[in-house]
Every structure is written in C-alpha cells, then in structure tokens.
Amino acid sequence: MSEEQRSLTELVELTEGVVTPGPVIDVADLACIVEAALLASTAPLDMVHLRRLFDDTVAADEILQAISHLQERWQNRGCELIELADGWRFRTHAKIQPHLDRLNPEKPPRYSRAVMETLAIIAYRQPVTRGDIEDIRGVTVATQVIRTLEERGWIDTVGNRETPGRPALYATTRQFLDDLGLRSLTELPPLETMQGALEGMPGVE
C-alpha cells in the first residue's frame, strides 16, 4: 500500500462516526429568521417546515424557544403568534379586526343557520352521516349545505359506514381548527357556547 493510500485509510478510520456540527446561529438571529418566515407565509408553519429553514441543523427545542421569545415580544401588539392544528402563525387580535375590516368594506360570503348547525353537529358527533345529522336536526340536510362546508374546507369525507348503502362519513378538517384558532378537537368550546364562537367567524350570518 502506498503512503498516499495509507494516509487516506487512516483519515477514514479517524473520522468515521464523527458528526460535523452545523453552523452556530445566534438566538436573536434564529428568532428573526423564524419571525420573518411566519410573517411571510400565508399558511401556518409546522416544525418540519421551520427546521427546514436551517437545513435541519437547528433542534426543535431551540426553535420552540425562539417561538416563545417571539410570543413574548408580540404581547400587547396588534398581532399575536399562536399555535394551530397545522403549526404556528401570526394573526390579528379580534379587537383589532373591526378596524381592519374598514379597509375592505366588501362583505365575505355569508352562511345560513342550517350550514352552521350542520357544522356544529359534525364537529361534536364526528364522524357522522347525513342521516345522523337529519336525525339530530329533525329536517332534511340539503346537498348544498354539505357542499358549502366542503368548499370552505371545514369538512371532508373520511370513510363510509358499513351499513346498507354505505353512506359517507363526515368529519371536520384541520382547516376548520385553524379557522377557529384551535390546536385540536379537545379545545372545542362547550356545545352551549359553540354558537357564539361560530358567529364570530368571518362570513357567518
């Protein structure tokens, strides 16, 4: 074996199993990068996407510390950093929204009471079929009601019940949780207060 081959072999043996550390990022710089990404994104960012900002060289707990730092920094301001089902995002405080609405006086689509009642039933009883919803409401559920909720991204078909006709089973989506500002279904408000929560969502009559 030549000297060059021997040196190369020794180098491989010496460095085998050694993990090269990633670049060291200052805590302030880390928070600034996470803040910029969240402000620039039109959708919530989860930990997978946030770590991708640093080519996975920054640990999840460090990013969580940056998020905690940002949440403190944004206290008592017009926006807040919150965790939703799909990750973290900035949103305006509810008390600020009426002022912002004056910048865009165009009214969003409005949803009927039938749509909202159907959504509430699906949220608390999921997964349910159209027949289940009709039994609870005592009236027929129009196809348009289901289609409206699907188009909004609040419900989706998650399977079929193994009964004659194999009716579709409906459940709420992560988009529904995000729009309500929730991380999971366990954070749904009590049923008696659900109406008020739904009425506070954009586009609800």
Protein backbone atom coordinates (compact mmCIF):
# COMPACT_ATOMS: atom_id res chain seq x y z
CA MET A 1 0.00 0.00 0.00
CA SER A 2 1.41 3.38 -0.98
CA GLU A 3 1.91 6.23 1.51
CA GLU A 4 -0.99 8.13 -0.09
CA GLN A 5 -3.35 5.15 0.20
CA ARG A 6 -2.24 4.54 3.82
CA SER A 7 -2.86 8.18 4.75
CA LEU A 8 -6.31 8.12 3.18
CA THR A 9 -7.19 4.90 5.03
CA GLU A 10 -6.05 6.38 8.35
CA LEU A 11 -8.08 9.54 7.71
CA VAL A 12 -11.22 7.50 7.06
CA GLU A 13 -10.70 5.48 10.24
CA LEU A 14 -10.12 8.60 12.33
CA THR A 15 -13.17 10.46 11.06
CA GLU A 16 -15.58 7.52 10.88
CA GLY A 17 -18.61 8.16 13.08
CA VAL A 18 -17.69 11.78 13.71
CA VAL A 19 -20.64 14.13 13.17
CA THR A 20 -19.71 17.51 11.83
CA PRO A 21 -21.58 20.17 13.83
CA GLY A 22 -23.86 22.52 11.93
CA PRO A 23 -23.39 26.25 11.85
CA VAL A 24 -23.92 28.07 15.15
CA ILE A 25 -26.80 30.55 14.91
CA ASP A 26 -27.23 33.36 17.40
CA VAL A 27 -30.51 33.17 19.35
CA ALA A 28 -31.52 36.64 18.16
CA ASP A 29 -30.82 35.71 14.53
CA LEU A 30 -32.75 32.46 14.97
CA ALA A 31 -35.81 34.34 16.27
CA CYS A 32 -35.58 36.88 13.44
CA ILE A 33 -35.49 34.16 10.79
CA VAL A 34 -38.46 32.31 12.31
CA GLU A 35 -40.36 35.59 12.65
CA ALA A 36 -39.73 36.54 9.02
CA ALA A 37 -40.81 33.12 7.76
CA LEU A 38 -44.05 33.20 9.76
CA LEU A 39 -44.88 36.73 8.64
CA ALA A 40 -44.17 35.90 5.01
CA SER A 41 -46.16 32.67 4.98
CA THR A 42 -49.84 32.63 4.03
CA ALA A 43 -50.39 29.39 5.98
CA PRO A 44 -49.31 28.04 9.37
CA LEU A 45 -45.79 26.55 9.51
CA ASP A 46 -45.17 23.35 11.45
CA MET A 47 -41.89 22.22 12.99
CA VAL A 48 -40.86 20.32 9.87
CA HIS A 49 -41.02 23.49 7.78
CA LEU A 50 -39.42 25.66 10.46
CA ARG A 51 -36.46 23.30 10.80
CA ARG A 52 -36.12 23.28 7.03
CA LEU A 53 -35.27 26.99 7.28
CA PHE A 54 -31.98 25.90 8.83
CA ASP A 55 -31.41 22.76 6.76
CA ASP A 56 -32.38 20.71 9.84
CA THR A 57 -29.25 21.84 11.72
CA VAL A 58 -31.25 23.56 14.46
CA ALA A 59 -33.00 21.40 17.07
CA ALA A 60 -36.74 21.58 17.60
CA ASP A 61 -36.37 22.74 21.20
CA GLU A 62 -34.28 25.70 20.06
CA ILE A 63 -36.97 26.71 17.59
CA LEU A 64 -39.59 26.37 20.33
CA GLN A 65 -37.51 28.73 22.48
CA ALA A 66 -37.42 31.20 19.59
CA ILE A 67 -41.20 30.93 19.23
CA SER A 68 -41.68 31.52 22.95
CA HIS A 69 -39.41 34.55 22.70
CA LEU A 70 -41.46 35.90 19.78
CA GLN A 71 -44.74 35.36 21.62
CA GLU A 72 -43.45 37.48 24.50
CA ARG A 73 -42.15 40.14 22.11
CA TRP A 74 -45.53 40.41 20.38
CA GLN A 75 -47.59 40.77 23.55
CA ASN A 76 -49.77 43.89 23.73
CA ARG A 77 -49.42 44.49 20.00
CA GLY A 78 -51.90 44.30 17.13
CA CYS A 79 -50.93 40.74 16.21
CA GLU A 80 -50.18 37.59 18.16
CA LEU A 81 -48.26 34.39 17.44
CA ILE A 82 -50.42 31.33 18.08
CA GLU A 83 -50.17 27.57 17.63
CA LEU A 84 -52.84 25.93 15.49
CA ALA A 85 -53.51 22.41 14.25
CA ASP A 86 -51.20 22.90 11.27
CA GLY A 87 -48.44 24.81 13.06
CA TRP A 88 -47.74 28.38 14.12
CA ARG A 89 -48.88 31.62 12.54
CA PHE A 90 -49.38 35.30 13.24
CA ARG A 91 -52.94 36.63 13.34
CA THR A 92 -54.53 39.92 14.24
CA HIS A 93 -56.21 40.30 17.61
CA ALA A 94 -60.00 40.02 17.47
CA LYS A 95 -60.39 43.51 18.98
CA ILE A 96 -58.36 44.95 16.07
CA GLN A 97 -60.25 43.19 13.28
CA PRO A 98 -63.25 45.62 13.14
CA HIS A 99 -60.84 48.46 12.33
CA LEU A 100 -59.12 46.43 9.62
CA ASP A 101 -62.46 45.50 8.09
CA ARG A 102 -62.98 49.17 7.24
CA LEU A 103 -60.09 48.90 4.77
CA ASN A 104 -62.03 46.28 2.83
CA PRO A 105 -65.76 47.03 3.09
CA GLU A 106 -66.65 44.19 0.70
CA LYS A 107 -68.62 41.65 2.69
CA PRO A 108 -67.46 37.99 2.65
CA PRO A 109 -69.88 35.17 1.75
CA ARG A 110 -72.40 34.55 4.49
CA TYR A 111 -73.55 31.16 5.73
CA SER A 112 -77.05 30.19 6.77
CA ARG A 113 -78.09 28.87 10.15
CA ALA A 114 -78.60 25.44 8.55
CA VAL A 115 -74.96 25.38 7.47
CA MET A 116 -73.76 26.38 10.93
CA GLU A 117 -75.98 23.87 12.73
CA THR A 118 -74.78 21.10 10.42
CA LEU A 119 -71.17 22.07 11.05
CA ALA A 120 -71.70 22.03 14.82
CA ILE A 121 -73.24 18.55 14.68
CA ILE A 122 -70.34 17.23 12.62
CA ALA A 123 -67.79 18.86 14.95
CA TYR A 124 -69.21 17.32 18.13
CA ARG A 125 -70.50 13.98 16.84
CA GLN A 126 -67.95 13.10 14.16
CA PRO A 127 -67.75 11.01 12.19
CA VAL A 128 -71.42 11.24 11.18
CA THR A 129 -73.52 10.50 8.12
CA ARG A 130 -76.09 12.78 6.56
CA GLY A 131 -78.75 10.56 8.12
CA ASP A 132 -77.26 11.15 11.58
CA ILE A 133 -77.39 14.90 11.00
CA GLU A 134 -81.00 14.73 9.83
CA ASP A 135 -81.99 12.70 12.91
CA ILE A 136 -80.50 15.33 15.21
CA ARG A 137 -81.79 18.41 13.36
CA GLY A 138 -85.15 16.85 12.53
CA VAL A 139 -85.05 18.15 8.96
CA THR A 140 -83.56 17.05 5.67
CA VAL A 141 -79.98 18.17 5.02
CA ALA A 142 -79.75 19.76 1.59
CA THR A 143 -76.89 18.67 -0.65
CA GLN A 144 -75.87 22.32 -0.97
CA VAL A 145 -75.30 22.54 2.79
CA ILE A 146 -72.75 19.72 2.69
CA ARG A 147 -71.17 21.11 -0.48
CA THR A 148 -70.82 24.56 1.10
CA LEU A 149 -68.94 23.15 4.09
CA GLU A 150 -66.70 21.07 1.83
CA GLU A 151 -65.90 24.05 -0.40
CA ARG A 152 -64.99 26.14 2.67
CA GLY A 153 -62.61 23.34 3.66
CA TRP A 154 -64.29 22.76 7.03
CA ILE A 155 -65.45 19.14 6.50
CA ASP A 156 -64.36 16.17 4.45
CA THR A 157 -65.42 12.59 3.78
CA VAL A 158 -63.37 10.25 5.97
CA GLY A 159 -64.92 6.92 5.03
CA ASN A 160 -68.19 5.04 4.71
CA ARG A 161 -70.37 3.40 7.34
CA GLU A 162 -70.70 -0.35 6.83
CA THR A 163 -74.49 -0.30 6.59
CA PRO A 164 -76.80 -0.70 3.59
CA GLY A 165 -75.94 1.95 1.01
CA ARG A 166 -72.56 2.61 2.72
CA PRO A 167 -73.33 6.29 3.48
CA ALA A 168 -70.43 8.72 3.60
CA LEU A 169 -68.99 9.66 6.98
CA TYR A 170 -68.14 13.33 7.52
CA ALA A 171 -65.64 14.89 9.90
CA THR A 172 -64.09 18.31 10.37
CA THR A 173 -60.69 19.19 8.91
CA ARG A 174 -57.51 20.81 10.18
CA GLN A 175 -58.57 23.90 8.24
CA PHE A 176 -61.65 24.12 10.46
CA LEU A 177 -59.45 24.02 13.56
CA ASP A 178 -57.11 26.64 12.11
CA ASP A 179 -60.01 28.98 11.30
CA LEU A 180 -61.32 28.63 14.85
CA GLY A 181 -57.85 29.16 16.28
CA LEU A 182 -57.68 25.68 17.83
CA ARG A 183 -54.90 23.09 18.00
CA SER A 184 -57.15 20.03 18.36
CA LEU A 185 -60.76 18.96 18.77
CA THR A 186 -60.22 18.71 22.52
CA GLU A 187 -60.12 22.53 22.57
CA LEU A 188 -63.63 22.91 21.13
CA PRO A 189 -65.70 25.17 23.39
CA PRO A 190 -68.66 23.66 25.28
CA LEU A 191 -71.59 22.98 22.97
CA GLU A 192 -73.71 25.67 24.59
CA THR A 193 -71.10 28.31 23.68
CA MET A 194 -70.32 26.94 20.22
CA GLN A 195 -72.94 29.14 18.57
CA GLY A 196 -71.20 32.30 19.77
CA ALA A 197 -67.83 31.00 18.54
CA LEU A 198 -69.23 30.22 15.10
CA GLU A 199 -70.98 33.58 14.86
CA GLY A 200 -67.61 35.23 15.39
CA MET A 201 -66.13 33.53 12.32
CA PRO A 202 -65.97 35.53 9.08
CA GLY A 203 -68.90 35.01 6.76
CA VAL A 204 -71.42 33.70 9.30
CA GLU A 205 -74.86 35.25 9.45
